Amino acid sequence: MMSALIAIAACLLLALLLFDRLLPDQAARLALKLERRRSGLSLADAAVPGFSMPYLQGGREQQETLVLVHGFGGDKDNFTRVARFLTPRYRVICPDLPGFGDASRDPAASYTMADQVQHLRAFLDQLGLDKVHMGGNSMGGFIAAQFSATFPERVASLWLLDAAGTAAAQGSAILQRYLQTGEMPLLLRSEQDFTELMHTTTHRPPFLPWSVRTALARRAVRDYPLHSKIMQQLTASPLLETRYAALATPCLIVWGQQDQILDPAGAYSFQALFPNNQLQMMAGIGHLPMVEAPKRSALDYLAFRTTLAGQASKAVALGKN
């Protein structure tokens, strides 16, 4: 009986491996669908002027809303695993920014950080969201921080994970080499470059099925011309500290100490920008904390929000006295 069960399990495993290898696009879509379902996320779509912006959503509408913005070359699924620990407490929304993921692409459009802030504003307007909590990784952190500075009345708090947008953050060897040569691991010329991308963006690359790796690599190669343009606009966008100071939004600043893309010294420049902050430096983590350590990242965020709630309750009590 046991040997028969083992044989059946071996056949099922072989069938899955063959499906993963022979039909990578279909297998990748199925894998993502299963990950989203496990995290309580469903797919929806929104439209802003000139672009469609698909997004993932989970939690209940009556809960406070947390909008999570992916980084360069990423997409809405960068937050799928961390959302698993957040949807019980919050309404979580993860959009694809124009030019990335499944959002529409216009080679003639502009994708500066200011443009993406306006796209994000239009997205929130489309969903009827007046005030949200917001988080972002890398380029998404740059956009979230600039959104908060531009529309402070619409952001209750910030969660910045290895965020771009300051001179210190963008002083890494990889970005300096990009400015000199135009070469960087986030811009893939071939599918084989995906392995280097994973080793550069994560300290310990998480497991991804072969089909998902292949689908992501192929999309990145197709996007190389457009993303080369967007990277130029990203690095040419005005740095946050040249425009803003002492921003009042409460902020959780998170940085992987082994980040190779953005210098961990950037964490301290964001502390100067957002004096009402908590800082979490993560040992053994690279550029994508929410991917490498989703549960740990979520627990740190939940603790931050608990602290904010305590501060608000204390302020209310003092106001009554």
C-alpha atoms as a PDB file:
ATOM      1  CA  MET A   1       0.000   0.000   0.000  1.00  0.00           C
ATOM      2  CA  MET A   2       2.765   2.431   0.995  1.00  0.00           C
ATOM      3  CA  SER A   3       4.781   1.677  -2.140  1.00  0.00           C
ATOM      4  CA  ALA A   4       1.703   2.376  -4.283  1.00  0.00           C
ATOM      5  CA  LEU A   5       1.183   5.763  -2.592  1.00  0.00           C
ATOM      6  CA  ILE A   6       4.836   6.628  -3.128  1.00  0.00           C
ATOM      7  CA  ALA A   7       4.541   5.698  -6.799  1.00  0.00           C
ATOM      8  CA  ILE A   8       1.422   7.850  -7.210  1.00  0.00           C
ATOM      9  CA  ALA A   9       3.146  10.784  -5.487  1.00  0.00           C
ATOM     10  CA  ALA A  10       6.189  10.369  -7.733  1.00  0.00           C
ATOM     11  CA  CYS A  11       3.970  10.372 -10.836  1.00  0.00           C
ATOM     12  CA  LEU A  12       2.170  13.511  -9.682  1.00  0.00           C
ATOM     13  CA  LEU A  13       5.480  15.253  -8.989  1.00  0.00           C
ATOM     14  CA  LEU A  14       6.782  14.277 -12.418  1.00  0.00           C
ATOM     15  CA  ALA A  15       3.584  15.571 -14.029  1.00  0.00           C
ATOM     16  CA  LEU A  16       3.948  18.904 -12.206  1.00  0.00           C
ATOM     17  CA  LEU A  17       7.594  19.213 -13.248  1.00  0.00           C
ATOM     18  CA  LEU A  18       6.708  18.490 -16.867  1.00  0.00           C
ATOM     19  CA  PHE A  19       3.848  21.002 -16.773  1.00  0.00           C
ATOM     20  CA  ASP A  20       6.197  23.595 -15.270  1.00  0.00           C
ATOM     21  CA  ARG A  21       8.826  23.023 -17.971  1.00  0.00           C
ATOM     22  CA  LEU A  22       6.730  22.388 -21.067  1.00  0.00           C
ATOM     23  CA  LEU A  23       4.030  25.032 -20.530  1.00  0.00           C
ATOM     24  CA  PRO A  24       5.794  27.769 -18.532  1.00  0.00           C
ATOM     25  CA  ASP A  25       3.329  30.580 -19.281  1.00  0.00           C
ATOM     26  CA  GLN A  26       0.320  28.548 -18.164  1.00  0.00           C
ATOM     27  CA  ALA A  27       2.202  27.100 -15.179  1.00  0.00           C
ATOM     28  CA  ALA A  28       3.350  30.563 -14.084  1.00  0.00           C
ATOM     29  CA  ARG A  29      -0.192  31.928 -14.237  1.00  0.00           C
ATOM     30  CA  LEU A  30      -1.436  28.999 -12.160  1.00  0.00           C
ATOM     31  CA  ALA A  31       1.352  29.418  -9.595  1.00  0.00           C
ATOM     32  CA  LEU A  32       0.585  33.125  -9.204  1.00  0.00           C
ATOM     33  CA  LYS A  33      -3.127  32.424  -8.928  1.00  0.00           C
ATOM     34  CA  LEU A  34      -2.496  29.929  -6.125  1.00  0.00           C
ATOM     35  CA  GLU A  35      -0.163  32.348  -4.288  1.00  0.00           C
ATOM     36  CA  ARG A  36      -2.762  35.117  -4.500  1.00  0.00           C
ATOM     37  CA  ARG A  37      -5.541  32.858  -3.254  1.00  0.00           C
ATOM     38  CA  ARG A  38      -3.421  31.745  -0.310  1.00  0.00           C
ATOM     39  CA  SER A  39      -2.888  35.404   0.606  1.00  0.00           C
ATOM     40  CA  GLY A  40      -6.565  36.298   0.255  1.00  0.00           C
ATOM     41  CA  LEU A  41      -5.960  38.460  -2.820  1.00  0.00           C
ATOM     42  CA  SER A  42      -8.082  38.813  -5.923  1.00  0.00           C
ATOM     43  CA  LEU A  43      -7.357  40.526  -9.235  1.00  0.00           C
ATOM     44  CA  ALA A  44      -9.154  43.679 -10.352  1.00  0.00           C
ATOM     45  CA  ASP A  45      -8.543  46.452 -12.876  1.00  0.00           C
ATOM     46  CA  ALA A  46      -8.600  50.231 -12.857  1.00  0.00           C
ATOM     47  CA  ALA A  47      -8.061  52.828 -15.560  1.00  0.00           C
ATOM     48  CA  VAL A  48      -6.257  56.150 -15.303  1.00  0.00           C
ATOM     49  CA  PRO A  49      -5.736  58.611 -18.183  1.00  0.00           C
ATOM     50  CA  GLY A  50      -3.683  56.780 -20.793  1.00  0.00           C
ATOM     51  CA  PHE A  51      -3.176  53.545 -18.867  1.00  0.00           C
ATOM     52  CA  SER A  52      -4.818  50.489 -17.403  1.00  0.00           C
ATOM     53  CA  MET A  53      -3.605  49.624 -13.893  1.00  0.00           C
ATOM     54  CA  PRO A  54      -4.471  46.077 -12.789  1.00  0.00           C
ATOM     55  CA  TYR A  55      -4.251  45.544  -9.043  1.00  0.00           C
ATOM     56  CA  LEU A  56      -4.543  42.933  -6.324  1.00  0.00           C
ATOM     57  CA  GLN A  57      -6.873  43.513  -3.412  1.00  0.00           C
ATOM     58  CA  GLY A  58      -7.593  41.665  -0.204  1.00  0.00           C
ATOM     59  CA  GLY A  59      -9.139  42.184   3.204  1.00  0.00           C
ATOM     60  CA  ARG A  60     -12.477  43.901   3.778  1.00  0.00           C
ATOM     61  CA  GLU A  61     -13.601  47.307   2.543  1.00  0.00           C
ATOM     62  CA  GLN A  62     -14.438  48.520   6.054  1.00  0.00           C
ATOM     63  CA  GLN A  63     -10.829  47.962   7.160  1.00  0.00           C
ATOM     64  CA  GLU A  64      -8.177  50.684   6.877  1.00  0.00           C
ATOM     65  CA  THR A  65      -6.561  50.629   3.438  1.00  0.00           C
ATOM     66  CA  LEU A  66      -2.879  49.916   2.835  1.00  0.00           C
ATOM     67  CA  VAL A  67      -1.635  50.633  -0.701  1.00  0.00           C
ATOM     68  CA  LEU A  68       1.669  48.935  -1.616  1.00  0.00           C
ATOM     69  CA  VAL A  69       3.746  50.209  -4.544  1.00  0.00           C
ATOM     70  CA  HIS A  70       6.286  47.947  -6.252  1.00  0.00           C
ATOM     71  CA  GLY A  71       9.773  48.871  -7.366  1.00  0.00           C
ATOM     72  CA  PHE A  72      11.533  49.116 -10.724  1.00  0.00           C
ATOM     73  CA  GLY A  73      11.044  45.992 -12.815  1.00  0.00           C
ATOM     74  CA  GLY A  74       8.654  44.601 -10.198  1.00  0.00           C
ATOM     75  CA  ASP A  75       4.896  44.269 -10.147  1.00  0.00           C
ATOM     76  CA  LYS A  76       1.901  43.867  -7.856  1.00  0.00           C
ATOM     77  CA  ASP A  77       2.924  40.312  -6.941  1.00  0.00           C
ATOM     78  CA  ASN A  78       6.055  41.560  -5.177  1.00  0.00           C
ATOM     79  CA  PHE A  79       3.767  41.969  -2.155  1.00  0.00           C
ATOM     80  CA  THR A  80       1.684  38.793  -2.507  1.00  0.00           C
ATOM     81  CA  ARG A  81       3.551  36.813   0.153  1.00  0.00           C
ATOM     82  CA  VAL A  82       3.741  39.613   2.715  1.00  0.00           C
ATOM     83  CA  ALA A  83       0.052  40.414   2.142  1.00  0.00           C
ATOM     84  CA  ARG A  84      -0.807  36.977   3.566  1.00  0.00           C
ATOM     85  CA  PHE A  85      -0.055  38.348   7.037  1.00  0.00           C
ATOM     86  CA  LEU A  86      -1.715  41.740   6.457  1.00  0.00           C
ATOM     87  CA  THR A  87      -5.103  41.031   4.891  1.00  0.00           C
ATOM     88  CA  PRO A  88      -6.599  39.823   8.196  1.00  0.00           C
ATOM     89  CA  ARG A  89      -6.071  43.345   9.572  1.00  0.00           C
ATOM     90  CA  TYR A  90      -6.183  45.702   6.587  1.00  0.00           C
ATOM     91  CA  ARG A  91      -7.630  46.172   3.166  1.00  0.00           C
ATOM     92  CA  VAL A  92      -4.515  45.656   1.036  1.00  0.00           C
ATOM     93  CA  ILE A  93      -4.237  47.041  -2.503  1.00  0.00           C
ATOM     94  CA  CYS A  94      -1.233  46.390  -4.749  1.00  0.00           C
ATOM     95  CA  PRO A  95      -1.330  48.105  -8.171  1.00  0.00           C
ATOM     96  CA  ASP A  96       0.829  47.655 -11.240  1.00  0.00           C
ATOM     97  CA  LEU A  97       2.372  51.006 -12.101  1.00  0.00           C
ATOM     98  CA  PRO A  98       2.133  52.153 -15.737  1.00  0.00           C
ATOM     99  CA  GLY A  99       4.988  50.560 -17.675  1.00  0.00           C
ATOM    100  CA  PHE A 100       5.274  47.527 -15.388  1.00  0.00           C
ATOM    101  CA  GLY A 101       3.612  44.210 -14.631  1.00  0.00           C
ATOM    102  CA  ASP A 102       0.328  43.850 -16.479  1.00  0.00           C
ATOM    103  CA  ALA A 103      -0.276  47.604 -16.737  1.00  0.00           C
ATOM    104  CA  SER A 104      -0.374  49.135 -20.183  1.00  0.00           C
ATOM    105  CA  ARG A 105       2.748  50.555 -21.775  1.00  0.00           C
ATOM    106  CA  ASP A 106       3.176  53.622 -23.963  1.00  0.00           C
ATOM    107  CA  PRO A 107       6.702  54.065 -25.340  1.00  0.00           C
ATOM    108  CA  ALA A 108       5.955  57.753 -25.980  1.00  0.00           C
ATOM    109  CA  ALA A 109       4.738  58.493 -22.436  1.00  0.00           C
ATOM    110  CA  SER A 110       6.741  60.003 -19.593  1.00  0.00           C
ATOM    111  CA  TYR A 111       7.414  57.903 -16.489  1.00  0.00           C
ATOM    112  CA  THR A 112       9.174  60.306 -14.139  1.00  0.00           C
ATOM    113  CA  MET A 113       8.543  59.983 -10.428  1.00  0.00           C
ATOM    114  CA  ALA A 114       6.250  63.032 -10.604  1.00  0.00           C
ATOM    115  CA  ASP A 115       4.291  61.350 -13.421  1.00  0.00           C
ATOM    116  CA  GLN A 116       3.931  58.134 -11.428  1.00  0.00           C
ATOM    117  CA  VAL A 117       2.746  60.118  -8.399  1.00  0.00           C
ATOM    118  CA  GLN A 118      -0.018  61.571 -10.552  1.00  0.00           C
ATOM    119  CA  HIS A 119      -0.878  58.125 -11.932  1.00  0.00           C
ATOM    120  CA  LEU A 120      -1.134  56.845  -8.357  1.00  0.00           C
ATOM    121  CA  ARG A 121      -3.350  59.799  -7.382  1.00  0.00           C
ATOM    122  CA  ALA A 122      -5.660  59.068 -10.311  1.00  0.00           C
ATOM    123  CA  PHE A 123      -5.707  55.389  -9.298  1.00  0.00           C
ATOM    124  CA  LEU A 124      -6.773  56.227  -5.738  1.00  0.00           C
ATOM    125  CA  ASP A 125      -9.399  58.620  -7.086  1.00  0.00           C
ATOM    126  CA  GLN A 126     -10.724  55.864  -9.348  1.00  0.00           C
ATOM    127  CA  LEU A 127     -11.114  53.572  -6.325  1.00  0.00           C
ATOM    128  CA  GLY A 128     -12.669  56.340  -4.206  1.00  0.00           C
ATOM    129  CA  LEU A 129      -9.851  56.276  -1.654  1.00  0.00           C
ATOM    130  CA  ASP A 130      -9.403  59.680  -0.016  1.00  0.00           C
ATOM    131  CA  LYS A 131      -6.866  58.700   2.660  1.00  0.00           C
ATOM    132  CA  VAL A 132      -4.742  55.568   2.906  1.00  0.00           C
ATOM    133  CA  HIS A 133      -1.699  54.103   4.541  1.00  0.00           C
ATOM    134  CA  MET A 134       0.972  53.630   1.886  1.00  0.00           C
ATOM    135  CA  GLY A 135       4.081  51.531   1.423  1.00  0.00           C
ATOM    136  CA  GLY A 136       6.642  51.142  -1.297  1.00  0.00           C
ATOM    137  CA  ASN A 137       9.821  49.294  -2.178  1.00  0.00           C
ATOM    138  CA  SER A 138      12.757  50.820  -4.062  1.00  0.00           C
ATOM    139  CA  MET A 139      11.327  53.038  -6.827  1.00  0.00           C
ATOM    140  CA  GLY A 140       7.917  52.439  -5.261  1.00  0.00           C
ATOM    141  CA  GLY A 141       9.259  53.874  -2.002  1.00  0.00           C
ATOM    142  CA  PHE A 142      10.446  56.964  -3.889  1.00  0.00           C
ATOM    143  CA  ILE A 143       6.958  57.343  -5.379  1.00  0.00           C
ATOM    144  CA  ALA A 144       5.198  56.727  -2.046  1.00  0.00           C
ATOM    145  CA  ALA A 145       7.409  59.256  -0.236  1.00  0.00           C
ATOM    146  CA  GLN A 146       6.913  61.888  -2.940  1.00  0.00           C
ATOM    147  CA  PHE A 147       3.168  61.176  -2.975  1.00  0.00           C
ATOM    148  CA  SER A 148       3.065  61.774   0.783  1.00  0.00           C
ATOM    149  CA  ALA A 149       4.974  65.031   0.397  1.00  0.00           C
ATOM    150  CA  THR A 150       2.723  66.175  -2.456  1.00  0.00           C
ATOM    151  CA  PHE A 151      -0.589  65.061  -0.926  1.00  0.00           C
ATOM    152  CA  PRO A 152       0.067  64.856   2.842  1.00  0.00           C
ATOM    153  CA  GLU A 153      -3.655  64.927   3.625  1.00  0.00           C
ATOM    154  CA  ARG A 154      -4.101  61.633   1.759  1.00  0.00           C
ATOM    155  CA  VAL A 155      -1.432  59.536   3.519  1.00  0.00           C
ATOM    156  CA  ALA A 156      -1.913  58.441   7.126  1.00  0.00           C
ATOM    157  CA  SER A 157       1.463  56.673   7.363  1.00  0.00           C
ATOM    158  CA  LEU A 158       4.336  55.403   5.226  1.00  0.00           C
ATOM    159  CA  TRP A 159       6.155  52.069   5.036  1.00  0.00           C
ATOM    160  CA  LEU A 160       9.389  52.504   3.078  1.00  0.00           C
ATOM    161  CA  LEU A 161      11.313  49.329   2.192  1.00  0.00           C
ATOM    162  CA  ASP A 162      14.779  50.024   0.749  1.00  0.00           C
ATOM    163  CA  ALA A 163      13.423  53.170  -0.874  1.00  0.00           C
ATOM    164  CA  ALA A 164      15.070  55.103  -3.683  1.00  0.00           C
ATOM    165  CA  GLY A 165      14.989  58.883  -3.861  1.00  0.00           C
ATOM    166  CA  THR A 166      17.890  60.201  -1.779  1.00  0.00           C
ATOM    167  CA  ALA A 167      21.539  60.783  -2.655  1.00  0.00           C
ATOM    168  CA  ALA A 168      22.698  58.388   0.048  1.00  0.00           C
ATOM    169  CA  ALA A 169      20.405  55.594  -1.130  1.00  0.00           C
ATOM    170  CA  GLN A 170      21.399  56.042  -4.750  1.00  0.00           C
ATOM    171  CA  GLY A 171      25.115  56.129  -3.967  1.00  0.00           C
ATOM    172  CA  SER A 172      25.503  52.356  -4.318  1.00  0.00           C
ATOM    173  CA  ALA A 173      28.241  50.895  -6.496  1.00  0.00           C
ATOM    174  CA  ILE A 174      25.652  49.367  -8.842  1.00  0.00           C
ATOM    175  CA  LEU A 175      23.893  52.683  -9.475  1.00  0.00           C
ATOM    176  CA  GLN A 176      27.166  54.534  -9.852  1.00  0.00           C
ATOM    177  CA  ARG A 177      28.271  51.966 -12.429  1.00  0.00           C
ATOM    178  CA  TYR A 178      24.950  52.406 -14.223  1.00  0.00           C
ATOM    179  CA  LEU A 179      25.480  56.174 -14.442  1.00  0.00           C
ATOM    180  CA  GLN A 180      28.904  55.556 -15.978  1.00  0.00           C
ATOM    181  CA  THR A 181      28.138  52.633 -18.313  1.00  0.00           C
ATOM    182  CA  GLY A 182      24.360  52.285 -18.660  1.00  0.00           C
ATOM    183  CA  GLU A 183      24.616  48.670 -17.458  1.00  0.00           C
ATOM    184  CA  MET A 184      22.689  47.410 -14.444  1.00  0.00           C
ATOM    185  CA  PRO A 185      21.219  44.083 -13.254  1.00  0.00           C
ATOM    186  CA  LEU A 186      17.645  45.428 -13.251  1.00  0.00           C
ATOM    187  CA  LEU A 187      17.802  45.806 -17.048  1.00  0.00           C
ATOM    188  CA  LEU A 188      17.774  42.358 -18.646  1.00  0.00           C
ATOM    189  CA  ARG A 189      19.102  41.858 -22.165  1.00  0.00           C
ATOM    190  CA  SER A 190      18.656  38.062 -22.074  1.00  0.00           C
ATOM    191  CA  GLU A 191      16.722  35.475 -20.071  1.00  0.00           C
ATOM    192  CA  GLN A 192      20.001  34.197 -18.632  1.00  0.00           C
ATOM    193  CA  ASP A 193      20.444  37.552 -16.866  1.00  0.00           C
ATOM    194  CA  PHE A 194      17.580  36.672 -14.502  1.00  0.00           C
ATOM    195  CA  THR A 195      19.877  34.598 -12.267  1.00  0.00           C
ATOM    196  CA  GLU A 196      22.149  37.597 -11.717  1.00  0.00           C
ATOM    197  CA  LEU A 197      19.079  39.750 -11.057  1.00  0.00           C
ATOM    198  CA  MET A 198      17.926  37.424  -8.261  1.00  0.00           C
ATOM    199  CA  HIS A 199      21.370  37.240  -6.676  1.00  0.00           C
ATOM    200  CA  THR A 200      21.723  41.023  -6.826  1.00  0.00           C
ATOM    201  CA  THR A 201      18.319  41.909  -5.426  1.00  0.00           C
ATOM    202  CA  THR A 202      18.143  39.225  -2.701  1.00  0.00           C
ATOM    203  CA  HIS A 203      20.713  37.994  -0.194  1.00  0.00           C
ATOM    204  CA  ARG A 204      19.227  34.502  -0.149  1.00  0.00           C
ATOM    205  CA  PRO A 205      17.092  34.113  -3.285  1.00  0.00           C
ATOM    206  CA  PRO A 206      13.657  32.692  -2.408  1.00  0.00           C
ATOM    207  CA  PHE A 207      12.247  29.701  -4.236  1.00  0.00           C
ATOM    208  CA  LEU A 208      10.484  30.467  -7.489  1.00  0.00           C
ATOM    209  CA  PRO A 209       9.178  27.771  -9.833  1.00  0.00           C
ATOM    210  CA  TRP A 210      11.101  27.495 -13.096  1.00  0.00           C
ATOM    211  CA  SER A 211       8.004  28.621 -14.983  1.00  0.00           C
ATOM    212  CA  VAL A 212       7.670  31.806 -12.924  1.00  0.00           C
ATOM    213  CA  ARG A 213      11.376  32.604 -13.322  1.00  0.00           C
ATOM    214  CA  THR A 214      11.059  32.050 -17.079  1.00  0.00           C
ATOM    215  CA  ALA A 215       7.918  34.175 -17.431  1.00  0.00           C
ATOM    216  CA  LEU A 216       9.448  37.037 -15.444  1.00  0.00           C
ATOM    217  CA  ALA A 217      12.710  36.840 -17.407  1.00  0.00           C
ATOM    218  CA  ARG A 218      10.928  36.897 -20.753  1.00  0.00           C
ATOM    219  CA  ARG A 219       8.817  39.878 -19.749  1.00  0.00           C
ATOM    220  CA  ALA A 220      11.892  41.761 -18.532  1.00  0.00           C
ATOM    221  CA  VAL A 221      13.716  41.135 -21.825  1.00  0.00           C
ATOM    222  CA  ARG A 222      10.704  42.389 -23.802  1.00  0.00           C
ATOM    223  CA  ASP A 223      10.617  45.474 -21.588  1.00  0.00           C
ATOM    224  CA  TYR A 224      14.318  46.262 -21.969  1.00  0.00           C
ATOM    225  CA  PRO A 225      13.871  49.239 -24.360  1.00  0.00           C
ATOM    226  CA  LEU A 226      11.077  50.852 -22.342  1.00  0.00           C
ATOM    227  CA  HIS A 227      12.637  50.115 -18.969  1.00  0.00           C
ATOM    228  CA  SER A 228      15.953  51.568 -20.111  1.00  0.00           C
ATOM    229  CA  LYS A 229      14.062  54.802 -20.769  1.00  0.00           C
ATOM    230  CA  ILE A 230      12.257  54.638 -17.418  1.00  0.00           C
ATOM    231  CA  MET A 231      15.523  53.992 -15.564  1.00  0.00           C
ATOM    232  CA  GLN A 232      16.971  57.146 -17.131  1.00  0.00           C
ATOM    233  CA  GLN A 233      13.923  59.115 -15.987  1.00  0.00           C
ATOM    234  CA  LEU A 234      14.110  57.581 -12.509  1.00  0.00           C
ATOM    235  CA  THR A 235      17.754  58.499 -11.972  1.00  0.00           C
ATOM    236  CA  ALA A 236      17.182  61.985 -13.424  1.00  0.00           C
ATOM    237  CA  SER A 237      14.182  62.741 -11.167  1.00  0.00           C
ATOM    238  CA  PRO A 238      14.881  65.356  -8.446  1.00  0.00           C
ATOM    239  CA  LEU A 239      16.003  63.779  -5.190  1.00  0.00           C
ATOM    240  CA  LEU A 240      13.627  64.100  -2.278  1.00  0.00           C
ATOM    241  CA  GLU A 241      15.970  66.041  -0.003  1.00  0.00           C
ATOM    242  CA  THR A 242      16.372  68.741  -2.657  1.00  0.00           C
ATOM    243  CA  ARG A 243      12.638  69.506  -2.435  1.00  0.00           C
ATOM    244  CA  TYR A 244      11.391  68.532   1.019  1.00  0.00           C
ATOM    245  CA  ALA A 245      12.406  68.632   4.676  1.00  0.00           C
ATOM    246  CA  ALA A 246      10.911  67.526   7.993  1.00  0.00           C
ATOM    247  CA  LEU A 247       7.870  65.820   6.489  1.00  0.00           C
ATOM    248  CA  ALA A 248       5.250  65.060   9.128  1.00  0.00           C
ATOM    249  CA  THR A 249       3.920  61.695   7.901  1.00  0.00           C
ATOM    250  CA  PRO A 250       4.681  58.878  10.389  1.00  0.00           C
ATOM    251  CA  CYS A 251       7.089  56.504   8.669  1.00  0.00           C
ATOM    252  CA  LEU A 252       8.451  52.993   9.161  1.00  0.00           C
ATOM    253  CA  ILE A 253      11.818  52.835   7.402  1.00  0.00           C
ATOM    254  CA  VAL A 254      13.067  49.327   6.599  1.00  0.00           C
ATOM    255  CA  TRP A 255      16.370  48.415   4.959  1.00  0.00           C
ATOM    256  CA  GLY A 256      18.100  45.149   4.188  1.00  0.00           C
ATOM    257  CA  GLN A 257      21.676  45.460   5.356  1.00  0.00           C
ATOM    258  CA  GLN A 258      22.871  43.373   2.383  1.00  0.00           C
ATOM    259  CA  ASP A 259      21.100  45.555  -0.196  1.00  0.00           C
ATOM    260  CA  GLN A 260      23.327  45.870  -3.278  1.00  0.00           C
ATOM    261  CA  ILE A 261      20.965  47.994  -5.376  1.00  0.00           C
ATOM    262  CA  LEU A 262      20.479  50.907  -2.950  1.00  0.00           C
ATOM    263  CA  ASP A 263      22.972  51.820  -0.239  1.00  0.00           C
ATOM    264  CA  PRO A 264      21.730  51.043   3.299  1.00  0.00           C
ATOM    265  CA  ALA A 265      22.987  54.509   4.297  1.00  0.00           C
ATOM    266  CA  GLY A 266      19.812  55.714   2.608  1.00  0.00           C
ATOM    267  CA  ALA A 267      17.871  54.668   5.703  1.00  0.00           C
ATOM    268  CA  TYR A 268      19.402  57.528   7.680  1.00  0.00           C
ATOM    269  CA  SER A 269      18.660  60.088   4.964  1.00  0.00           C
ATOM    270  CA  PHE A 270      14.990  59.053   5.167  1.00  0.00           C
ATOM    271  CA  GLN A 271      15.126  59.485   8.942  1.00  0.00           C
ATOM    272  CA  ALA A 272      16.089  63.109   8.318  1.00  0.00           C
ATOM    273  CA  LEU A 273      13.233  63.530   5.825  1.00  0.00           C
ATOM    274  CA  PHE A 274      10.628  61.941   8.122  1.00  0.00           C
ATOM    275  CA  PRO A 275      11.478  62.831  11.749  1.00  0.00           C
ATOM    276  CA  ASN A 276       8.457  60.907  13.063  1.00  0.00           C
ATOM    277  CA  ASN A 277       9.946  57.546  12.149  1.00  0.00           C
ATOM    278  CA  GLN A 278      10.835  54.064  13.253  1.00  0.00           C
ATOM    279  CA  LEU A 279      13.887  52.393  11.708  1.00  0.00           C
ATOM    280  CA  GLN A 280      14.335  48.662  11.143  1.00  0.00           C
ATOM    281  CA  MET A 281      17.659  47.491   9.695  1.00  0.00           C
ATOM    282  CA  MET A 282      17.361  43.839   8.632  1.00  0.00           C
ATOM    283  CA  ALA A 283      20.512  41.720   8.843  1.00  0.00           C
ATOM    284  CA  GLY A 284      20.897  39.024   6.211  1.00  0.00           C
ATOM    285  CA  ILE A 285      18.356  40.658   3.887  1.00  0.00           C
ATOM    286  CA  GLY A 286      18.885  42.287   0.508  1.00  0.00           C
ATOM    287  CA  HIS A 287      16.891  44.746  -1.568  1.00  0.00           C
ATOM    288  CA  LEU A 288      13.478  43.046  -1.230  1.00  0.00           C
ATOM    289  CA  PRO A 289      12.630  42.490   2.462  1.00  0.00           C
ATOM    290  CA  MET A 290       8.968  41.720   1.743  1.00  0.00           C
ATOM    291  CA  VAL A 291      10.045  38.935  -0.638  1.00  0.00           C
ATOM    292  CA  GLU A 292      12.948  37.500   1.364  1.00  0.00           C
ATOM    293  CA  ALA A 293      11.330  37.753   4.808  1.00  0.00           C
ATOM    294  CA  PRO A 294       7.584  38.297   4.312  1.00  0.00           C
ATOM    295  CA  LYS A 295       6.438  37.231   7.779  1.00  0.00           C
ATOM    296  CA  ARG A 296       9.149  39.166   9.589  1.00  0.00           C
ATOM    297  CA  SER A 297       8.470  42.256   7.457  1.00  0.00           C
ATOM    298  CA  ALA A 298       4.734  42.020   8.152  1.00  0.00           C
ATOM    299  CA  LEU A 299       5.213  41.593  11.899  1.00  0.00           C
ATOM    300  CA  ASP A 300       7.453  44.676  11.999  1.00  0.00           C
ATOM    301  CA  TYR A 301       4.789  46.615  10.129  1.00  0.00           C
ATOM    302  CA  LEU A 302       2.001  45.413  12.421  1.00  0.00           C
ATOM    303  CA  ALA A 303       4.079  46.497  15.443  1.00  0.00           C
ATOM    304  CA  PHE A 304       4.577  49.919  13.838  1.00  0.00           C
ATOM    305  CA  ARG A 305       0.853  50.326  13.270  1.00  0.00           C
ATOM    306  CA  THR A 306       0.142  49.265  16.862  1.00  0.00           C
ATOM    307  CA  THR A 307       2.507  51.978  18.058  1.00  0.00           C
ATOM    308  CA  LEU A 308       0.747  54.553  15.860  1.00  0.00           C
ATOM    309  CA  ALA A 309      -2.626  53.517  17.243  1.00  0.00           C
ATOM    310  CA  GLY A 310      -1.299  53.916  20.795  1.00  0.00           C
ATOM    311  CA  GLN A 311       0.046  57.372  20.010  1.00  0.00           C
ATOM    312  CA  ALA A 312      -3.304  58.403  18.537  1.00  0.00           C
ATOM    313  CA  SER A 313      -5.192  57.139  21.587  1.00  0.00           C
ATOM    314  CA  LYS A 314      -2.834  59.006  23.890  1.00  0.00           C
ATOM    315  CA  ALA A 315      -3.271  62.205  21.884  1.00  0.00           C
ATOM    316  CA  VAL A 316      -7.055  61.889  22.101  1.00  0.00           C
ATOM    317  CA  ALA A 317      -6.884  61.323  25.859  1.00  0.00           C
ATOM    318  CA  LEU A 318      -4.640  64.372  26.327  1.00  0.00           C
ATOM    319  CA  GLY A 319      -7.009  66.459  24.224  1.00  0.00           C
ATOM    320  CA  LYS A 320      -9.888  65.605  26.539  1.00  0.00           C
ATOM    321  CA  ASN A 321      -7.955  66.680  29.639  1.00  0.00           C
END
